[in-house]
PDB file of N, CA and C in Angstrom:
ATOM      1  N   MET A   1     151.369 122.633 133.640  1.00  0.00           N
ATOM      2  CA  MET A   1     152.350 122.457 132.607  1.00  0.00           C
ATOM      3  C   MET A   1     151.828 121.407 131.637  1.00  0.00           C
ATOM      4  N   PHE A   2     151.954 121.650 130.412  1.00  0.00           N
ATOM      5  CA  PHE A   2     151.431 120.783 129.369  1.00  0.00           C
ATOM      6  C   PHE A   2     152.563 119.958 128.769  1.00  0.00           C
ATOM      7  N   PHE A   3     152.372 118.655 128.800  1.00  0.00           N
ATOM      8  CA  PHE A   3     153.367 117.760 128.217  1.00  0.00           C
ATOM      9  C   PHE A   3     152.840 117.252 126.878  1.00  0.00           C
ATOM     10  N   ALA A   4     153.683 117.300 125.922  1.00  0.00           N
ATOM     11  CA  ALA A   4     153.291 116.805 124.609  1.00  0.00           C
ATOM     12  C   ALA A   4     153.389 115.291 124.603  1.00  0.00           C
ATOM     13  N   VAL A   5     152.292 114.675 124.295  1.00  0.00           N
ATOM     14  CA  VAL A   5     152.239 113.219 124.290  1.00  0.00           C
ATOM     15  C   VAL A   5     151.875 112.770 122.888  1.00  0.00           C
ATOM     16  N   THR A   6     152.672 111.853 122.398  1.00  0.00           N
ATOM     17  CA  THR A   6     152.344 111.321 121.079  1.00  0.00           C
ATOM     18  C   THR A   6     151.442 110.108 121.267  1.00  0.00           C
ATOM     19  N   PRO A   7     150.305 110.103 120.667  1.00  0.00           N
ATOM     20  CA  PRO A   7     149.394 108.969 120.846  1.00  0.00           C
ATOM     21  C   PRO A   7     149.959 107.721 120.183  1.00  0.00           C
ATOM     22  N   SER A   8     149.610 106.597 120.748  1.00  0.00           N
ATOM     23  CA  SER A   8     150.061 105.344 120.152  1.00  0.00           C
ATOM     24  C   SER A   8     149.259 105.086 118.887  1.00  0.00           C
ATOM     25  N   PRO A   9     149.902 104.503 117.920  1.00  0.00           N
ATOM     26  CA  PRO A   9     149.188 104.255 116.665  1.00  0.00           C
ATOM     27  C   PRO A   9     148.082 103.221 116.873  1.00  0.00           C
ATOM     28  N   TYR A  10     147.018 103.406 116.156  1.00  0.00           N
ATOM     29  CA  TYR A  10     145.901 102.485 116.273  1.00  0.00           C
ATOM     30  C   TYR A  10     145.639 101.865 114.922  1.00  0.00           C
ATOM     31  N   PRO A  11     145.581 100.683 114.723  1.00  0.00           N
ATOM     32  CA  PRO A  11     145.898  99.600 115.643  1.00  0.00           C
ATOM     33  C   PRO A  11     147.395  99.540 115.927  1.00  0.00           C
ATOM     34  N   SER A  12     147.722  98.952 117.050  1.00  0.00           N
ATOM     35  CA  SER A  12     149.114  98.958 117.488  1.00  0.00           C
ATOM     36  C   SER A  12     150.000  98.142 116.548  1.00  0.00           C
ATOM     37  N   ASP A  13     151.288  98.384 116.683  1.00  0.00           N
ATOM     38  CA  ASP A  13     152.265  97.696 115.843  1.00  0.00           C
ATOM     39  C   ASP A  13     152.581  96.288 116.347  1.00  0.00           C
ATOM     40  N   ILE A  14     152.053  95.921 117.501  1.00  0.00           N
ATOM     41  CA  ILE A  14     152.341  94.607 118.070  1.00  0.00           C
ATOM     42  C   ILE A  14     151.526  93.556 117.331  1.00  0.00           C
ATOM     43  N   THR A  15     152.226  92.563 116.860  1.00  0.00           N
ATOM     44  CA  THR A  15     151.541  91.475 116.167  1.00  0.00           C
ATOM     45  C   THR A  15     151.661  90.204 116.993  1.00  0.00           C
ATOM     46  N   VAL A  16     150.611  89.444 117.011  1.00  0.00           N
ATOM     47  CA  VAL A  16     150.600  88.184 117.740  1.00  0.00           C
ATOM     48  C   VAL A  16     150.860  87.076 116.741  1.00  0.00           C
ATOM     49  N   THR A  17     151.956  86.380 116.964  1.00  0.00           N
ATOM     50  CA  THR A  17     152.302  85.272 116.078  1.00  0.00           C
ATOM     51  C   THR A  17     151.823  83.966 116.687  1.00  0.00           C
ATOM     52  N   GLN A  18     151.946  82.907 115.936  1.00  0.00           N
ATOM     53  CA  GLN A  18     151.504  81.601 116.416  1.00  0.00           C
ATOM     54  C   GLN A  18     152.303  81.170 117.648  1.00  0.00           C
ATOM     55  N   SER A  19     153.579  81.523 117.721  1.00  0.00           N
ATOM     56  CA  SER A  19     154.406  81.087 118.847  1.00  0.00           C
ATOM     57  C   SER A  19     154.121  81.879 120.114  1.00  0.00           C
ATOM     58  N   THR A  20     153.598  83.082 120.011  1.00  0.00           N
ATOM     59  CA  THR A  20     153.306  83.887 121.199  1.00  0.00           C
ATOM     60  C   THR A  20     151.810  84.107 121.358  1.00  0.00           C
ATOM     61  N   GLY A  21     151.009  83.188 120.897  1.00  0.00           N
ATOM     62  CA  GLY A  21     149.565  83.340 120.898  1.00  0.00           C
ATOM     63  C   GLY A  21     148.900  83.097 122.237  1.00  0.00           C
ATOM     64  N   GLY A  22     149.631  82.965 123.304  1.00  0.00           N
ATOM     65  CA  GLY A  22     149.040  82.781 124.615  1.00  0.00           C
ATOM     66  C   GLY A  22     149.005  81.341 125.077  1.00  0.00           C
ATOM     67  N   SER A  23     149.464  80.433 124.274  1.00  0.00           N
ATOM     68  CA  SER A  23     149.483  79.029 124.649  1.00  0.00           C
ATOM     69  C   SER A  23     150.705  78.748 125.519  1.00  0.00           C
ATOM     70  N   PRO A  24     150.524  77.994 126.600  1.00  0.00           N
ATOM     71  CA  PRO A  24     151.670  77.687 127.453  1.00  0.00           C
ATOM     72  C   PRO A  24     152.657  76.734 126.800  1.00  0.00           C
ATOM     73  N   GLY A  25     152.238  76.040 125.779  1.00  0.00           N
ATOM     74  CA  GLY A  25     153.145  75.170 125.048  1.00  0.00           C
ATOM     75  C   GLY A  25     153.393  73.847 125.736  1.00  0.00           C
ATOM     76  N   PHE A  26     154.389  73.159 125.242  1.00  0.00           N
ATOM     77  CA  PHE A  26     154.703  71.825 125.744  1.00  0.00           C
ATOM     78  C   PHE A  26     155.175  71.869 127.191  1.00  0.00           C
ATOM     79  N   LEU A  27     155.991  72.850 127.529  1.00  0.00           N
ATOM     80  CA  LEU A  27     156.495  72.954 128.899  1.00  0.00           C
ATOM     81  C   LEU A  27     155.352  73.180 129.886  1.00  0.00           C
ATOM     82  N   GLY A  28     154.390  73.983 129.519  1.00  0.00           N
ATOM     83  CA  GLY A  28     153.223  74.204 130.374  1.00  0.00           C
ATOM     84  C   GLY A  28     152.407  72.939 130.554  1.00  0.00           C
ATOM     85  N   PHE A  29     152.258  72.167 129.483  1.00  0.00           N
ATOM     86  CA  PHE A  29     151.542  70.900 129.570  1.00  0.00           C
ATOM     87  C   PHE A  29     152.260  69.933 130.501  1.00  0.00           C
ATOM     88  N   VAL A  30     153.573  69.813 130.351  1.00  0.00           N
ATOM     89  CA  VAL A  30     154.347  68.891 131.188  1.00  0.00           C
ATOM     90  C   VAL A  30     154.238  69.296 132.655  1.00  0.00           C
ATOM     91  N   PHE A  31     154.362  70.581 132.940  1.00  0.00           N
ATOM     92  CA  PHE A  31     154.267  71.051 134.318  1.00  0.00           C
ATOM     93  C   PHE A  31     152.886  70.756 134.900  1.00  0.00           C
ATOM     94  N   THR A  32     151.832  71.031 134.149  1.00  0.00           N
ATOM     95  CA  THR A  32     150.472  70.777 134.627  1.00  0.00           C
ATOM     96  C   THR A  32     150.228  69.288 134.824  1.00  0.00           C
ATOM     97  N   PHE A  33     150.730  68.464 133.912  1.00  0.00           N
ATOM     98  CA  PHE A  33     150.573  67.021 134.036  1.00  0.00           C
ATOM     99  C   PHE A  33     151.292  66.498 135.278  1.00  0.00           C
ATOM    100  N   LEU A  34     152.520  66.950 135.506  1.00  0.00           N
ATOM    101  CA  LEU A  34     153.266  66.506 136.686  1.00  0.00           C
ATOM    102  C   LEU A  34     152.604  66.979 137.976  1.00  0.00           C
ATOM    103  N   LEU A  35     152.039  68.166 137.961  1.00  0.00           N
ATOM    104  CA  LEU A  35     151.321  68.674 139.129  1.00  0.00           C
ATOM    105  C   LEU A  35     150.086  67.822 139.418  1.00  0.00           C
ATOM    106  N   ALA A  36     149.370  67.419 138.382  1.00  0.00           N
ATOM    107  CA  ALA A  36     148.196  66.563 138.558  1.00  0.00           C
ATOM    108  C   ALA A  36     148.597  65.183 139.078  1.00  0.00           C
ATOM    109  N   VAL A  37     149.682  64.627 138.560  1.00  0.00           N
ATOM    110  CA  VAL A  37     150.164  63.324 139.032  1.00  0.00           C
ATOM    111  C   VAL A  37     150.566  63.415 140.503  1.00  0.00           C
ATOM    112  N   ALA A  38     151.247  64.489 140.880  1.00  0.00           N
ATOM    113  CA  ALA A  38     151.639  64.670 142.280  1.00  0.00           C
ATOM    114  C   ALA A  38     150.412  64.787 143.180  1.00  0.00           C
ATOM    115  N   ALA A  39     149.376  65.477 142.729  1.00  0.00           N
ATOM    116  CA  ALA A  39     148.154  65.618 143.527  1.00  0.00           C
ATOM    117  C   ALA A  39     147.465  64.266 143.713  1.00  0.00           C
ATOM    118  N   VAL A  40     147.425  63.453 142.665  1.00  0.00           N
ATOM    119  CA  VAL A  40     146.807  62.128 142.768  1.00  0.00           C
ATOM    120  C   VAL A  40     147.605  61.246 143.719  1.00  0.00           C
ATOM    121  N   LEU A  41     148.921  61.263 143.607  1.00  0.00           N
ATOM    122  CA  LEU A  41     149.755  60.461 144.511  1.00  0.00           C
ATOM    123  C   LEU A  41     149.608  60.915 145.956  1.00  0.00           C
ATOM    124  N   LEU A  42     149.519  62.207 146.173  1.00  0.00           N
ATOM    125  CA  LEU A  42     149.314  62.730 147.524  1.00  0.00           C
ATOM    126  C   LEU A  42     147.966  62.284 148.077  1.00  0.00           C
ATOM    127  N   PHE A  43     146.928  62.313 147.255  1.00  0.00           N
ATOM    128  CA  PHE A  43     145.608  61.860 147.676  1.00  0.00           C
ATOM    129  C   PHE A  43     145.630  60.380 148.045  1.00  0.00           C
ATOM    130  N   LEU A  44     146.268  59.559 147.222  1.00  0.00           N
ATOM    131  CA  LEU A  44     146.336  58.126 147.506  1.00  0.00           C
ATOM    132  C   LEU A  44     147.121  57.846 148.784  1.00  0.00           C
ATOM    133  N   SER A  45     148.194  58.582 149.000  1.00  0.00           N
ATOM    134  CA  SER A  45     148.985  58.406 150.212  1.00  0.00           C
ATOM    135  C   SER A  45     148.185  58.794 151.449  1.00  0.00           C
ATOM    136  N   LEU A  46     147.449  59.894 151.356  1.00  0.00           N
ATOM    137  CA  LEU A  46     146.630  60.328 152.490  1.00  0.00           C
ATOM    138  C   LEU A  46     145.544  59.305 152.793  1.00  0.00           C
ATOM    139  N   THR A  47     144.930  58.754 151.764  1.00  0.00           N
ATOM    140  CA  THR A  47     143.901  57.738 151.960  1.00  0.00           C
ATOM    141  C   THR A  47     144.478  56.511 152.649  1.00  0.00           C
ATOM    142  N   LYS A  48     145.662  56.097 152.229  1.00  0.00           N
ATOM    143  CA  LYS A  48     146.315  54.940 152.840  1.00  0.00           C
ATOM    144  C   LYS A  48     146.625  55.202 154.310  1.00  0.00           C
ATOM    145  N   GLN A  49     147.120  56.393 154.618  1.00  0.00           N
ATOM    146  CA  GLN A  49     147.447  56.723 155.998  1.00  0.00           C
ATOM    147  C   GLN A  49     146.198  56.780 156.875  1.00  0.00           C
ATOM    148  N   LEU A  50     145.104  57.327 156.350  1.00  0.00           N
ATOM    149  CA  LEU A  50     143.866  57.392 157.128  1.00  0.00           C
ATOM    150  C   LEU A  50     143.310  55.997 157.393  1.00  0.00           C
ATOM    151  N   ARG A  51     143.409  55.103 156.419  1.00  0.00           N
ATOM    152  CA  ARG A  51     142.966  53.725 156.640  1.00  0.00           C
ATOM    153  C   ARG A  51     143.824  53.049 157.697  1.00  0.00           C
ATOM    154  N   ARG A  52     145.120  53.308 157.667  1.00  0.00           N
ATOM    155  CA  ARG A  52     146.030  52.711 158.639  1.00  0.00           C
ATOM    156  C   ARG A  52     145.718  53.206 160.053  1.00  0.00           C
ATOM    157  N   VAL A  53     145.454  54.503 160.191  1.00  0.00           N
ATOM    158  CA  VAL A  53     145.125  55.067 161.504  1.00  0.00           C
ATOM    159  C   VAL A  53     143.803  54.498 162.007  1.00  0.00           C
ATOM    160  N   ASP A  54     142.820  54.370 161.131  1.00  0.00           N
ATOM    161  CA  ASP A  54     141.521  53.826 161.517  1.00  0.00           C
ATOM    162  C   ASP A  54     141.652  52.372 161.961  1.00  0.00           C
ATOM    163  N   ARG A  55     142.426  51.589 161.215  1.00  0.00           N
ATOM    164  CA  ARG A  55     142.633  50.187 161.571  1.00  0.00           C
ATOM    165  C   ARG A  55     143.353  50.065 162.911  1.00  0.00           C
ATOM    166  N   ARG A  56     144.339  50.912 163.125  1.00  0.00           N
ATOM    167  CA  ARG A  56     145.093  50.870 164.388  1.00  0.00           C
ATOM    168  C   ARG A  56     144.210  51.277 165.566  1.00  0.00           C
ATOM    169  N   ALA A  57     143.330  52.248 165.363  1.00  0.00           N
ATOM    170  CA  ALA A  57     142.427  52.671 166.434  1.00  0.00           C
ATOM    171  C   ALA A  57     141.457  51.548 166.792  1.00  0.00           C
ATOM    172  N   LYS A  58     140.989  50.814 165.798  1.00  0.00           N
ATOM    173  CA  LYS A  58     140.092  49.689 166.077  1.00  0.00           C
ATOM    174  C   LYS A  58     140.820  48.589 166.833  1.00  0.00           C
ATOM    175  N   GLN A  59     142.088  48.346 166.506  1.00  0.00           N
ATOM    176  CA  GLN A  59     142.863  47.324 167.202  1.00  0.00           C
ATOM    177  C   GLN A  59     143.079  47.693 168.660  1.00  0.00           C
ATOM    178  N   LEU A  60     143.288  48.961 168.930  1.00  0.00           N
ATOM    179  CA  LEU A  60     143.531  49.404 170.300  1.00  0.00           C
ATOM    180  C   LEU A  60     142.243  49.652 171.072  1.00  0.00           C
ATOM    181  N   GLY A  61     141.110  49.553 170.420  1.00  0.00           N
ATOM    182  CA  GLY A  61     139.841  49.792 171.091  1.00  0.00           C
ATOM    183  C   GLY A  61     139.547  51.261 171.299  1.00  0.00           C
ATOM    184  N   LEU A  62     140.175  52.107 170.536  1.00  0.00           N
ATOM    185  CA  LEU A  62     139.966  53.545 170.679  1.00  0.00           C
ATOM    186  C   LEU A  62     138.892  54.067 169.739  1.00  0.00           C
ATOM    187  N   ASP A  63     138.298  53.188 168.978  1.00  0.00           N
ATOM    188  CA  ASP A  63     137.275  53.603 168.026  1.00  0.00           C
ATOM    189  C   ASP A  63     136.003  53.956 168.779  1.00  0.00           C
ATOM    190  N   ASP A  64     135.396  55.091 168.462  1.00  0.00           N
ATOM    191  CA  ASP A  64     134.212  55.566 169.164  1.00  0.00           C
ATOM    192  C   ASP A  64     132.922  54.955 168.634  1.00  0.00           C
ATOM    193  N   GLU A  65     132.952  54.274 167.527  1.00  0.00           N
ATOM    194  CA  GLU A  65     131.728  53.738 166.948  1.00  0.00           C
ATOM    195  C   GLU A  65     131.168  52.617 167.818  1.00  0.00           C
ATOM    196  N   GLY A  66     129.941  52.808 168.310  1.00  0.00           N
ATOM    197  CA  GLY A  66     129.261  51.778 169.068  1.00  0.00           C
ATOM    198  C   GLY A  66     129.660  51.698 170.525  1.00  0.00           C
ATOM    199  N   THR A  67     130.732  52.295 170.949  1.00  0.00           N
ATOM    200  CA  THR A  67     131.162  52.181 172.339  1.00  0.00           C
ATOM    201  C   THR A  67     130.864  53.424 173.151  1.00  0.00           C
ATOM    202  N   ALA A  68     130.724  54.549 172.510  1.00  0.00           N
ATOM    203  CA  ALA A  68     130.507  55.794 173.244  1.00  0.00           C
ATOM    204  C   ALA A  68     129.021  56.109 173.314  1.00  0.00           C
ATOM    205  N   ASP A  69     128.639  56.802 174.375  1.00  0.00           N
ATOM    206  CA  ASP A  69     127.271  57.280 174.525  1.00  0.00           C
ATOM    207  C   ASP A  69     127.156  58.577 173.750  1.00  0.00           C
ATOM    208  N   HIS A  70     126.323  58.587 172.743  1.00  0.00           N
ATOM    209  CA  HIS A  70     126.216  59.757 171.875  1.00  0.00           C
ATOM    210  C   HIS A  70     125.145  60.731 172.337  1.00  0.00           C
ATOM    211  N   THR A  71     124.767  60.686 173.596  1.00  0.00           N
ATOM    212  CA  THR A  71     123.763  61.603 174.124  1.00  0.00           C
ATOM    213  C   THR A  71     124.417  62.949 174.387  1.00  0.00           C
ATOM    214  N   PRO A  72     123.832  64.034 173.882  1.00  0.00           N
ATOM    215  CA  PRO A  72     124.403  65.355 174.159  1.00  0.00           C
ATOM    216  C   PRO A  72     124.379  65.674 175.648  1.00  0.00           C
ATOM    217  N   ASP A  73     125.268  66.550 176.081  1.00  0.00           N
ATOM    218  CA  ASP A  73     125.396  66.888 177.496  1.00  0.00           C
ATOM    219  C   ASP A  73     124.125  67.479 178.084  1.00  0.00           C
ATOM    220  N   ASP A  74     123.375  68.255 177.307  1.00  0.00           N
ATOM    221  CA  ASP A  74     122.188  68.901 177.859  1.00  0.00           C
ATOM    222  C   ASP A  74     121.019  67.933 178.033  1.00  0.00           C
ATOM    223  N   GLU A  75     121.080  66.719 177.474  1.00  0.00           N
ATOM    224  CA  GLU A  75     120.010  65.743 177.628  1.00  0.00           C
ATOM    225  C   GLU A  75     120.343  64.673 178.661  1.00  0.00           C
ATOM    226  N   ARG A  76     121.533  64.663 179.191  1.00  0.00           N
ATOM    227  CA  ARG A  76     121.908  63.678 180.194  1.00  0.00           C
ATOM    228  C   ARG A  76     121.277  64.037 181.538  1.00  0.00           C
ATOM    229  N   PRO A  77     120.873  63.024 182.284  1.00  0.00           N
ATOM    230  CA  PRO A  77     120.311  63.323 183.613  1.00  0.00           C
ATOM    231  C   PRO A  77     121.404  63.839 184.539  1.00  0.00           C
ATOM    232  N   ALA A  78     121.019  64.756 185.389  1.00  0.00           N
ATOM    233  CA  ALA A  78     121.979  65.343 186.330  1.00  0.00           C
ATOM    234  C   ALA A  78     122.307  64.322 187.401  1.00  0.00           C
ATOM    235  N   SER A  79     123.575  64.144 187.681  1.00  0.00           N
ATOM    236  CA  SER A  79     123.977  63.203 188.722  1.00  0.00           C
ATOM    237  C   SER A  79     123.953  63.907 190.063  1.00  0.00           C
ATOM    238  N   SER A  80     123.496  63.180 191.088  1.00  0.00           N
ATOM    239  CA  SER A  80     123.402  63.814 192.406  1.00  0.00           C
ATOM    240  C   SER A  80     124.422  63.297 193.363  1.00  0.00           C
TER     241      SER A  80
END
């Protein structure tokens, strides 16, 4: 069955104006800026928490630096 199709005019009737030119505008800028600020604050908070955990581990003597034997299991002598 053959359907009659009217072709779209070339060039199309759609015009791009300055307001719809693909720019996210002021609202897009504000959203992106707030997202970047939130990411920086999250990074700083994570850094602070990791420093706190590291300091607490050193106070409790749970830090592995210098206290543990770093010899792999396959190189350790077999105990009899």
